[in-house]
Amino acid sequence: MKPEIHPVYATAKVNCACGNTFQTRSTQSEIRLDICAACHPFYTGKQKMIDTAGRVERFRQKYAKAGA
């Protein structure tokens, strides 16, 4: 292996949007996530709508029943 070409592999702090934090190892010192294993619907068993820029609400308004 050539010397001095490999990145530093150190402890990294991971922050999720849900507030969960944990440590892992990475070449980055800090990692920010939108969804982690603590809040992901597949792991929690709860379905959660993640609304980005009002897309879910616009969909509901567009396809809402006229009588409801």
C-alpha atoms as a PDB file:
ATOM      1  CA  MET A   1       0.000   0.000   0.000  1.00  0.00           C
ATOM      2  CA  LYS A   2       1.199   3.481  -0.780  1.00  0.00           C
ATOM      3  CA  PRO A   3       1.780   5.690   2.265  1.00  0.00           C
ATOM      4  CA  GLU A   4      -0.260   8.848   2.883  1.00  0.00           C
ATOM      5  CA  ILE A   5      -3.006   8.284   0.276  1.00  0.00           C
ATOM      6  CA  HIS A   6      -5.645   6.687   2.507  1.00  0.00           C
ATOM      7  CA  PRO A   7      -8.245   8.823   4.326  1.00  0.00           C
ATOM      8  CA  VAL A   8      -8.374   8.958   8.111  1.00  0.00           C
ATOM      9  CA  TYR A   9     -10.936   6.429   9.400  1.00  0.00           C
ATOM     10  CA  ALA A  10     -12.078   7.752  12.773  1.00  0.00           C
ATOM     11  CA  THR A  11     -15.117   7.880  15.070  1.00  0.00           C
ATOM     12  CA  ALA A  12     -18.062   9.789  13.612  1.00  0.00           C
ATOM     13  CA  LYS A  13     -21.126  11.216  15.352  1.00  0.00           C
ATOM     14  CA  VAL A  14     -24.408  10.484  13.536  1.00  0.00           C
ATOM     15  CA  ASN A  15     -27.392  12.847  14.064  1.00  0.00           C
ATOM     16  CA  CYS A  16     -30.878  11.972  12.812  1.00  0.00           C
ATOM     17  CA  ALA A  17     -33.733  14.418  12.219  1.00  0.00           C
ATOM     18  CA  CYS A  18     -35.793  12.534  14.838  1.00  0.00           C
ATOM     19  CA  GLY A  19     -33.226  13.412  17.523  1.00  0.00           C
ATOM     20  CA  ASN A  20     -31.502  10.035  17.714  1.00  0.00           C
ATOM     21  CA  THR A  21     -27.695  10.181  17.932  1.00  0.00           C
ATOM     22  CA  PHE A  22     -25.096   7.430  17.876  1.00  0.00           C
ATOM     23  CA  GLN A  23     -21.464   6.908  17.010  1.00  0.00           C
ATOM     24  CA  THR A  24     -19.906   4.856  14.248  1.00  0.00           C
ATOM     25  CA  ARG A  25     -16.707   4.910  12.241  1.00  0.00           C
ATOM     26  CA  SER A  26     -16.343   6.843   9.013  1.00  0.00           C
ATOM     27  CA  THR A  27     -14.048   9.091   7.028  1.00  0.00           C
ATOM     28  CA  GLN A  28     -16.390  11.992   7.910  1.00  0.00           C
ATOM     29  CA  SER A  29     -16.447  13.433  11.421  1.00  0.00           C
ATOM     30  CA  GLU A  30     -20.192  14.160  11.502  1.00  0.00           C
ATOM     31  CA  ILE A  31     -23.101  12.636   9.544  1.00  0.00           C
ATOM     32  CA  ARG A  32     -26.648  14.066   9.417  1.00  0.00           C
ATOM     33  CA  LEU A  33     -29.549  11.762   8.478  1.00  0.00           C
ATOM     34  CA  ASP A  34     -33.209  12.292   7.615  1.00  0.00           C
ATOM     35  CA  ILE A  35     -34.267   8.763   8.631  1.00  0.00           C
ATOM     36  CA  CYS A  36     -32.469   6.262  10.872  1.00  0.00           C
ATOM     37  CA  ALA A  37     -33.306   2.766  12.173  1.00  0.00           C
ATOM     38  CA  ALA A  38     -35.042   4.295  15.219  1.00  0.00           C
ATOM     39  CA  CYS A  39     -37.615   6.193  13.125  1.00  0.00           C
ATOM     40  CA  HIS A  40     -37.774   4.275   9.824  1.00  0.00           C
ATOM     41  CA  PRO A  41     -41.251   2.755   9.212  1.00  0.00           C
ATOM     42  CA  PHE A  42     -39.794  -0.634   8.221  1.00  0.00           C
ATOM     43  CA  TYR A  43     -38.087  -1.059  11.601  1.00  0.00           C
ATOM     44  CA  THR A  44     -40.687   0.627  13.813  1.00  0.00           C
ATOM     45  CA  GLY A  45     -43.816  -0.882  12.225  1.00  0.00           C
ATOM     46  CA  LYS A  46     -45.472   2.545  12.113  1.00  0.00           C
ATOM     47  CA  GLN A  47     -46.308   4.204   8.848  1.00  0.00           C
ATOM     48  CA  LYS A  48     -45.321   7.843   8.763  1.00  0.00           C
ATOM     49  CA  MET A  49     -45.796  10.316   5.943  1.00  0.00           C
ATOM     50  CA  ILE A  50     -42.662  12.341   5.351  1.00  0.00           C
ATOM     51  CA  ASP A  51     -43.896  15.517   3.690  1.00  0.00           C
ATOM     52  CA  THR A  52     -41.360  17.406   1.644  1.00  0.00           C
ATOM     53  CA  ALA A  53     -42.516  20.803   0.416  1.00  0.00           C
ATOM     54  CA  GLY A  54     -46.218  19.975   0.870  1.00  0.00           C
ATOM     55  CA  ARG A  55     -46.331  17.191  -1.724  1.00  0.00           C
ATOM     56  CA  VAL A  56     -48.528  14.883   0.357  1.00  0.00           C
ATOM     57  CA  GLU A  57     -51.053  17.625   1.092  1.00  0.00           C
ATOM     58  CA  ARG A  58     -51.191  18.672  -2.575  1.00  0.00           C
ATOM     59  CA  PHE A  59     -51.815  15.029  -3.553  1.00  0.00           C
ATOM     60  CA  ARG A  60     -54.634  14.720  -1.029  1.00  0.00           C
ATOM     61  CA  GLN A  61     -56.255  17.949  -2.245  1.00  0.00           C
ATOM     62  CA  LYS A  62     -55.952  16.934  -5.890  1.00  0.00           C
ATOM     63  CA  TYR A  63     -57.505  13.481  -5.443  1.00  0.00           C
ATOM     64  CA  ALA A  64     -59.968  14.239  -2.618  1.00  0.00           C
ATOM     65  CA  LYS A  65     -63.512  13.041  -3.245  1.00  0.00           C
ATOM     66  CA  ALA A  66     -65.889  15.810  -4.270  1.00  0.00           C
ATOM     67  CA  GLY A  67     -68.565  14.756  -1.740  1.00  0.00           C
ATOM     68  CA  ALA A  68     -66.226  14.274   1.209  1.00  0.00           C
END
